[in-house]
């Protein structure tokens, strides 16, 4: 059993960050071989943080449905529940990355305005 959601999220985040680590990419692609469809494919091919969030949300819906459809006495039940917890945690972590990026963007704007207050631009 593998956690396709996390491997796909890793691939998508590598796209967004411009990561060129071939071994990490190869490992994730191997884990996803034959499973690149729907939200998993969207995650793996995402090129923005908003795409990652959207596809991760869809993947979570699919995973929640899998857990709900799995009988509690099924050997896969605990693993799927654990996967769900891990992917929800990844969703919160991704939200923090987006929040930090937005905050950084705001800070750059404030710095820009402060610089122009101290050194007015000649128009």
N, C-alpha and C. Protein backbone atom coordinates (compact mmCIF):
# COMPACT_ATOMS: atom_id res chain seq x y z
N UNK A 1 0.84 -1.18 0.00
CA UNK A 1 0.00 0.00 0.00
C UNK A 1 0.88 1.24 0.00
N UNK A 2 0.45 2.22 -0.74
CA UNK A 2 1.20 3.47 -0.76
C UNK A 2 0.23 4.63 -0.56
N UNK A 3 0.79 5.74 -0.23
CA UNK A 3 0.00 6.95 -0.03
C UNK A 3 0.15 7.83 -1.26
N UNK A 4 -0.68 7.56 -2.24
CA UNK A 4 -0.59 8.26 -3.51
C UNK A 4 -0.77 9.77 -3.35
N UNK A 5 -1.63 10.16 -2.44
CA UNK A 5 -1.89 11.59 -2.25
C UNK A 5 -0.62 12.33 -1.85
N UNK A 6 0.15 11.76 -0.92
CA UNK A 6 1.36 12.44 -0.46
C UNK A 6 2.46 12.45 -1.52
N UNK A 7 2.60 11.36 -2.24
CA UNK A 7 3.61 11.33 -3.31
C UNK A 7 3.25 12.31 -4.43
N UNK A 8 1.97 12.37 -4.77
CA UNK A 8 1.53 13.31 -5.80
C UNK A 8 1.72 14.75 -5.33
N UNK A 9 1.42 15.00 -4.07
CA UNK A 9 1.63 16.34 -3.51
C UNK A 9 3.11 16.70 -3.55
N UNK A 10 3.98 15.74 -3.25
CA UNK A 10 5.42 15.99 -3.33
C UNK A 10 5.82 16.38 -4.75
N UNK A 11 5.32 15.63 -5.73
CA UNK A 11 5.65 15.96 -7.13
C UNK A 11 5.17 17.36 -7.49
N UNK A 12 3.93 17.66 -7.14
CA UNK A 12 3.40 18.98 -7.45
C UNK A 12 4.18 20.09 -6.76
N UNK A 13 4.56 19.85 -5.52
CA UNK A 13 5.34 20.86 -4.80
C UNK A 13 6.72 21.03 -5.43
N UNK A 14 7.28 19.93 -5.93
CA UNK A 14 8.55 20.04 -6.65
C UNK A 14 8.37 20.92 -7.89
N UNK A 15 7.24 20.78 -8.58
CA UNK A 15 6.96 21.63 -9.74
C UNK A 15 6.89 23.10 -9.33
N UNK A 16 6.14 23.36 -8.28
CA UNK A 16 5.93 24.74 -7.83
C UNK A 16 7.25 25.38 -7.38
N UNK A 17 8.07 24.61 -6.68
CA UNK A 17 9.32 25.13 -6.15
C UNK A 17 10.47 25.08 -7.15
N UNK A 18 10.25 24.41 -8.27
CA UNK A 18 11.32 24.30 -9.26
C UNK A 18 12.41 23.31 -8.86
N UNK A 19 12.06 22.34 -8.05
CA UNK A 19 13.03 21.35 -7.57
C UNK A 19 13.50 20.47 -8.72
N UNK A 20 14.80 20.30 -8.81
CA UNK A 20 15.37 19.51 -9.90
C UNK A 20 16.01 18.23 -9.39
N UNK A 21 15.73 17.83 -8.17
CA UNK A 21 16.28 16.60 -7.60
C UNK A 21 15.68 15.40 -8.33
N UNK A 22 16.42 14.87 -9.27
CA UNK A 22 15.92 13.79 -10.13
C UNK A 22 15.58 12.54 -9.33
N UNK A 23 16.38 12.22 -8.30
CA UNK A 23 16.12 10.99 -7.54
C UNK A 23 14.81 11.09 -6.76
N UNK A 24 14.51 12.25 -6.19
CA UNK A 24 13.24 12.43 -5.47
C UNK A 24 12.07 12.35 -6.43
N UNK A 25 12.22 12.96 -7.58
CA UNK A 25 11.16 12.93 -8.60
C UNK A 25 10.95 11.50 -9.11
N UNK A 26 12.05 10.79 -9.39
CA UNK A 26 11.94 9.41 -9.87
C UNK A 26 11.25 8.51 -8.85
N UNK A 27 11.60 8.70 -7.58
CA UNK A 27 10.97 7.89 -6.52
C UNK A 27 9.46 8.13 -6.48
N UNK A 28 9.07 9.38 -6.49
CA UNK A 28 7.63 9.70 -6.43
C UNK A 28 6.90 9.18 -7.67
N UNK A 29 7.52 9.33 -8.83
CA UNK A 29 6.89 8.85 -10.07
C UNK A 29 6.74 7.33 -10.05
N UNK A 30 7.73 6.64 -9.50
CA UNK A 30 7.65 5.18 -9.39
C UNK A 30 6.50 4.78 -8.47
N UNK A 31 6.34 5.46 -7.35
CA UNK A 31 5.26 5.17 -6.41
C UNK A 31 3.89 5.36 -7.07
N UNK A 32 3.80 6.30 -7.98
CA UNK A 32 2.52 6.64 -8.60
C UNK A 32 2.25 5.92 -9.91
N UNK A 33 3.21 5.10 -10.35
CA UNK A 33 3.06 4.40 -11.62
C UNK A 33 1.73 3.66 -11.69
N UNK A 34 0.93 3.99 -12.69
CA UNK A 34 -0.38 3.36 -12.87
C UNK A 34 -1.50 3.98 -12.06
N UNK A 35 -1.20 5.01 -11.29
CA UNK A 35 -2.22 5.63 -10.43
C UNK A 35 -2.41 7.11 -10.73
N UNK A 36 -1.92 7.57 -11.87
CA UNK A 36 -2.03 8.98 -12.20
C UNK A 36 -3.34 9.25 -12.94
N UNK A 37 -4.38 9.44 -12.16
CA UNK A 37 -5.67 9.85 -12.72
C UNK A 37 -6.41 10.67 -11.68
N UNK A 38 -7.38 11.42 -12.12
CA UNK A 38 -8.19 12.23 -11.22
C UNK A 38 -7.36 13.21 -10.41
N UNK A 39 -7.72 13.40 -9.13
CA UNK A 39 -7.01 14.37 -8.28
C UNK A 39 -5.53 14.04 -8.09
N UNK A 40 -5.19 12.75 -8.13
CA UNK A 40 -3.79 12.37 -7.96
C UNK A 40 -2.97 12.92 -9.14
N UNK A 41 -3.49 12.78 -10.34
CA UNK A 41 -2.81 13.34 -11.51
C UNK A 41 -2.74 14.86 -11.42
N UNK A 42 -3.84 15.48 -10.99
CA UNK A 42 -3.84 16.93 -10.84
C UNK A 42 -2.80 17.40 -9.84
N UNK A 43 -2.68 16.69 -8.72
CA UNK A 43 -1.66 17.04 -7.73
C UNK A 43 -0.26 16.92 -8.32
N UNK A 44 0.00 15.81 -8.97
CA UNK A 44 1.34 15.55 -9.51
C UNK A 44 1.74 16.56 -10.57
N UNK A 45 0.77 17.10 -11.30
CA UNK A 45 1.06 18.03 -12.39
C UNK A 45 0.81 19.49 -12.03
N UNK A 46 0.45 19.77 -10.79
CA UNK A 46 0.14 21.14 -10.38
C UNK A 46 1.35 22.05 -10.58
N UNK A 47 1.07 23.30 -10.93
CA UNK A 47 2.17 24.25 -11.09
C UNK A 47 1.94 25.53 -10.29
N UNK A 48 0.99 25.48 -9.35
CA UNK A 48 0.77 26.62 -8.46
C UNK A 48 0.26 26.10 -7.12
N UNK A 49 0.42 26.92 -6.10
CA UNK A 49 -0.08 26.54 -4.78
C UNK A 49 -1.59 26.39 -4.77
N UNK A 50 -2.29 27.25 -5.50
CA UNK A 50 -3.75 27.14 -5.53
C UNK A 50 -4.18 25.85 -6.22
N UNK A 51 -3.45 25.43 -7.27
CA UNK A 51 -3.74 24.14 -7.90
C UNK A 51 -3.52 23.00 -6.92
N UNK A 52 -2.43 23.07 -6.17
CA UNK A 52 -2.16 22.03 -5.17
C UNK A 52 -3.29 21.95 -4.16
N UNK A 53 -3.75 23.09 -3.67
CA UNK A 53 -4.83 23.09 -2.68
C UNK A 53 -6.11 22.49 -3.27
N UNK A 54 -6.44 22.89 -4.47
CA UNK A 54 -7.67 22.42 -5.10
C UNK A 54 -7.65 20.90 -5.32
N UNK A 55 -6.55 20.41 -5.86
CA UNK A 55 -6.45 18.97 -6.14
C UNK A 55 -6.31 18.15 -4.86
N UNK A 56 -5.65 18.71 -3.85
CA UNK A 56 -5.54 18.00 -2.58
C UNK A 56 -6.91 17.90 -1.91
N UNK A 57 -7.69 18.93 -2.01
CA UNK A 57 -9.05 18.89 -1.47
C UNK A 57 -9.87 17.79 -2.15
N UNK A 58 -9.76 17.70 -3.46
CA UNK A 58 -10.49 16.65 -4.21
C UNK A 58 -9.97 15.26 -3.83
N UNK A 59 -8.66 15.13 -3.66
CA UNK A 59 -8.09 13.84 -3.26
C UNK A 59 -8.57 13.44 -1.87
N UNK A 60 -8.71 14.41 -0.98
CA UNK A 60 -9.22 14.13 0.36
C UNK A 60 -10.66 13.63 0.32
N UNK A 61 -11.47 14.22 -0.54
CA UNK A 61 -12.86 13.76 -0.68
C UNK A 61 -12.88 12.30 -1.12
N UNK A 62 -12.04 11.98 -2.11
CA UNK A 62 -11.96 10.59 -2.58
C UNK A 62 -11.50 9.65 -1.47
N UNK A 63 -10.49 10.06 -0.72
CA UNK A 63 -9.96 9.23 0.36
C UNK A 63 -11.00 9.06 1.48
N UNK A 64 -11.71 10.12 1.81
CA UNK A 64 -12.77 10.01 2.82
C UNK A 64 -13.84 9.02 2.38
N UNK A 65 -14.17 9.03 1.10
CA UNK A 65 -15.15 8.07 0.58
C UNK A 65 -14.62 6.64 0.68
N UNK A 66 -13.32 6.45 0.40
CA UNK A 66 -12.73 5.12 0.52
C UNK A 66 -12.81 4.62 1.97
N UNK A 67 -12.46 5.49 2.90
CA UNK A 67 -12.49 5.11 4.32
C UNK A 67 -13.92 4.78 4.73
N UNK A 68 -14.87 5.60 4.33
CA UNK A 68 -16.26 5.36 4.70
C UNK A 68 -16.79 4.05 4.13
N UNK A 69 -16.29 3.65 2.96
CA UNK A 69 -16.76 2.44 2.31
C UNK A 69 -16.03 1.18 2.78
N UNK A 70 -15.00 1.34 3.59
CA UNK A 70 -14.20 0.20 4.05
C UNK A 70 -14.76 -0.31 5.38
N UNK A 71 -15.12 -1.58 5.44
CA UNK A 71 -15.59 -2.14 6.72
C UNK A 71 -14.50 -2.08 7.79
N UNK A 72 -14.88 -1.84 9.01
CA UNK A 72 -13.91 -1.70 10.10
C UNK A 72 -13.08 -2.95 10.32
N UNK A 73 -13.58 -4.11 9.93
CA UNK A 73 -12.83 -5.35 10.12
C UNK A 73 -11.93 -5.68 8.92
N UNK A 74 -11.94 -4.82 7.91
CA UNK A 74 -11.06 -4.99 6.75
C UNK A 74 -9.64 -4.67 7.18
N UNK A 75 -8.66 -5.51 6.82
CA UNK A 75 -7.27 -5.23 7.19
C UNK A 75 -6.75 -3.87 6.70
N UNK A 76 -7.34 -3.33 5.65
CA UNK A 76 -6.89 -2.04 5.10
C UNK A 76 -7.50 -0.84 5.83
N UNK A 77 -8.49 -1.09 6.68
CA UNK A 77 -9.23 0.01 7.31
C UNK A 77 -8.31 0.94 8.11
N UNK A 78 -7.50 0.39 9.01
CA UNK A 78 -6.64 1.24 9.85
C UNK A 78 -5.63 2.02 9.02
N UNK A 79 -5.08 1.36 8.00
CA UNK A 79 -4.12 2.05 7.14
C UNK A 79 -4.80 3.22 6.42
N UNK A 80 -5.97 3.00 5.89
CA UNK A 80 -6.68 4.08 5.18
C UNK A 80 -7.02 5.23 6.12
N UNK A 81 -7.42 4.90 7.33
CA UNK A 81 -7.68 5.97 8.31
C UNK A 81 -6.41 6.74 8.62
N UNK A 82 -5.30 6.02 8.77
CA UNK A 82 -4.01 6.68 9.02
C UNK A 82 -3.62 7.56 7.85
N UNK A 83 -3.85 7.08 6.65
CA UNK A 83 -3.58 7.87 5.45
C UNK A 83 -4.40 9.15 5.46
N UNK A 84 -5.66 9.02 5.84
CA UNK A 84 -6.55 10.18 5.89
C UNK A 84 -6.01 11.23 6.87
N UNK A 85 -5.55 10.78 8.02
CA UNK A 85 -4.97 11.71 9.01
C UNK A 85 -3.73 12.39 8.44
N UNK A 86 -2.88 11.61 7.79
CA UNK A 86 -1.64 12.16 7.22
C UNK A 86 -1.93 13.18 6.11
N UNK A 87 -2.91 12.88 5.27
CA UNK A 87 -3.23 13.79 4.17
C UNK A 87 -3.90 15.06 4.70
N UNK A 88 -4.74 14.92 5.73
CA UNK A 88 -5.32 16.13 6.35
C UNK A 88 -4.23 17.00 6.96
N UNK A 89 -3.24 16.36 7.57
CA UNK A 89 -2.12 17.11 8.13
C UNK A 89 -1.35 17.83 7.02
N UNK A 90 -1.16 17.15 5.90
CA UNK A 90 -0.49 17.78 4.76
C UNK A 90 -1.30 18.96 4.24
N UNK A 91 -2.62 18.83 4.27
CA UNK A 91 -3.49 19.93 3.83
C UNK A 91 -3.29 21.15 4.72
N UNK A 92 -3.19 20.94 6.02
CA UNK A 92 -2.95 22.06 6.95
C UNK A 92 -1.56 22.67 6.71
N UNK A 93 -0.58 21.82 6.47
CA UNK A 93 0.78 22.32 6.21
C UNK A 93 0.81 23.15 4.93
N UNK A 94 0.13 22.68 3.90
CA UNK A 94 0.07 23.42 2.64
C UNK A 94 -0.61 24.77 2.85
N UNK A 95 -1.66 24.80 3.66
CA UNK A 95 -2.35 26.06 3.95
C UNK A 95 -1.40 27.04 4.64
N UNK A 96 -0.54 26.52 5.53
CA UNK A 96 0.44 27.39 6.19
C UNK A 96 1.44 27.95 5.19
N UNK A 97 1.88 27.12 4.23
CA UNK A 97 2.80 27.59 3.20
C UNK A 97 2.16 28.73 2.41
N UNK A 98 0.90 28.56 2.04
CA UNK A 98 0.19 29.59 1.29
C UNK A 98 0.06 30.85 2.14
N UNK A 99 -0.30 30.71 3.42
CA UNK A 99 -0.42 31.87 4.31
C UNK A 99 0.91 32.61 4.45
N UNK A 100 2.00 31.85 4.59
CA UNK A 100 3.32 32.48 4.71
C UNK A 100 3.68 33.20 3.41
N UNK A 101 3.36 32.60 2.29
CA UNK A 101 3.63 33.25 1.01
C UNK A 101 2.85 34.54 0.87
N UNK A 102 1.57 34.51 1.25
CA UNK A 102 0.74 35.72 1.20
C UNK A 102 1.29 36.79 2.12
N UNK A 103 1.73 36.38 3.31
CA UNK A 103 2.30 37.33 4.26
C UNK A 103 3.60 37.93 3.73
N UNK A 104 4.42 37.11 3.11
CA UNK A 104 5.67 37.59 2.52
C UNK A 104 5.38 38.60 1.42
N UNK A 105 4.39 38.31 0.60
CA UNK A 105 3.99 39.21 -0.47
C UNK A 105 3.53 40.55 0.11
N UNK A 106 2.72 40.51 1.17
CA UNK A 106 2.27 41.74 1.84
C UNK A 106 3.47 42.52 2.40
N UNK A 107 4.41 41.79 3.01
CA UNK A 107 5.59 42.45 3.58
C UNK A 107 6.41 43.15 2.50
N UNK A 108 6.55 42.51 1.34
CA UNK A 108 7.28 43.15 0.25
C UNK A 108 6.58 44.42 -0.21
N UNK A 109 5.26 44.40 -0.25
CA UNK A 109 4.50 45.60 -0.62
C UNK A 109 4.71 46.72 0.38
N UNK A 110 4.67 46.39 1.66
CA UNK A 110 4.89 47.39 2.71
C UNK A 110 6.31 47.96 2.63
N UNK A 111 7.29 47.09 2.40
CA UNK A 111 8.67 47.54 2.27
C UNK A 111 8.81 48.48 1.08
N UNK A 112 8.17 48.14 -0.02
CA UNK A 112 8.21 48.97 -1.21
C UNK A 112 7.62 50.35 -0.93
N UNK A 113 6.47 50.38 -0.26
CA UNK A 113 5.84 51.67 0.06
C UNK A 113 6.71 52.47 1.04
N UNK A 114 7.30 51.80 2.02
CA UNK A 114 8.17 52.49 2.97
C UNK A 114 9.38 53.09 2.27
N UNK A 115 9.93 52.36 1.34
CA UNK A 115 11.08 52.86 0.59
C UNK A 115 10.71 54.12 -0.19
N UNK A 116 9.52 54.12 -0.79
CA UNK A 116 9.08 55.30 -1.53
C UNK A 116 8.73 56.47 -0.61
N UNK A 117 8.31 56.17 0.63
CA UNK A 117 8.06 57.24 1.59
C UNK A 117 9.37 57.93 1.95
N UNK A 118 10.42 57.15 2.12
CA UNK A 118 11.72 57.71 2.49
C UNK A 118 12.41 58.34 1.28
N UNK A 119 12.28 57.72 0.14
CA UNK A 119 12.90 58.20 -1.10
C UNK A 119 11.83 58.34 -2.17
N UNK A 120 11.11 59.46 -2.14
CA UNK A 120 10.03 59.66 -3.13
C UNK A 120 10.55 59.52 -4.57
N UNK A 121 9.77 58.85 -5.35
CA UNK A 121 10.14 58.66 -6.77
C UNK A 121 9.85 59.93 -7.53
N UNK A 122 10.73 60.25 -8.46
CA UNK A 122 10.51 61.40 -9.32
C UNK A 122 9.63 60.94 -10.48
N UNK A 123 8.50 61.60 -10.67
CA UNK A 123 7.61 61.25 -11.79
C UNK A 123 7.71 62.26 -12.87
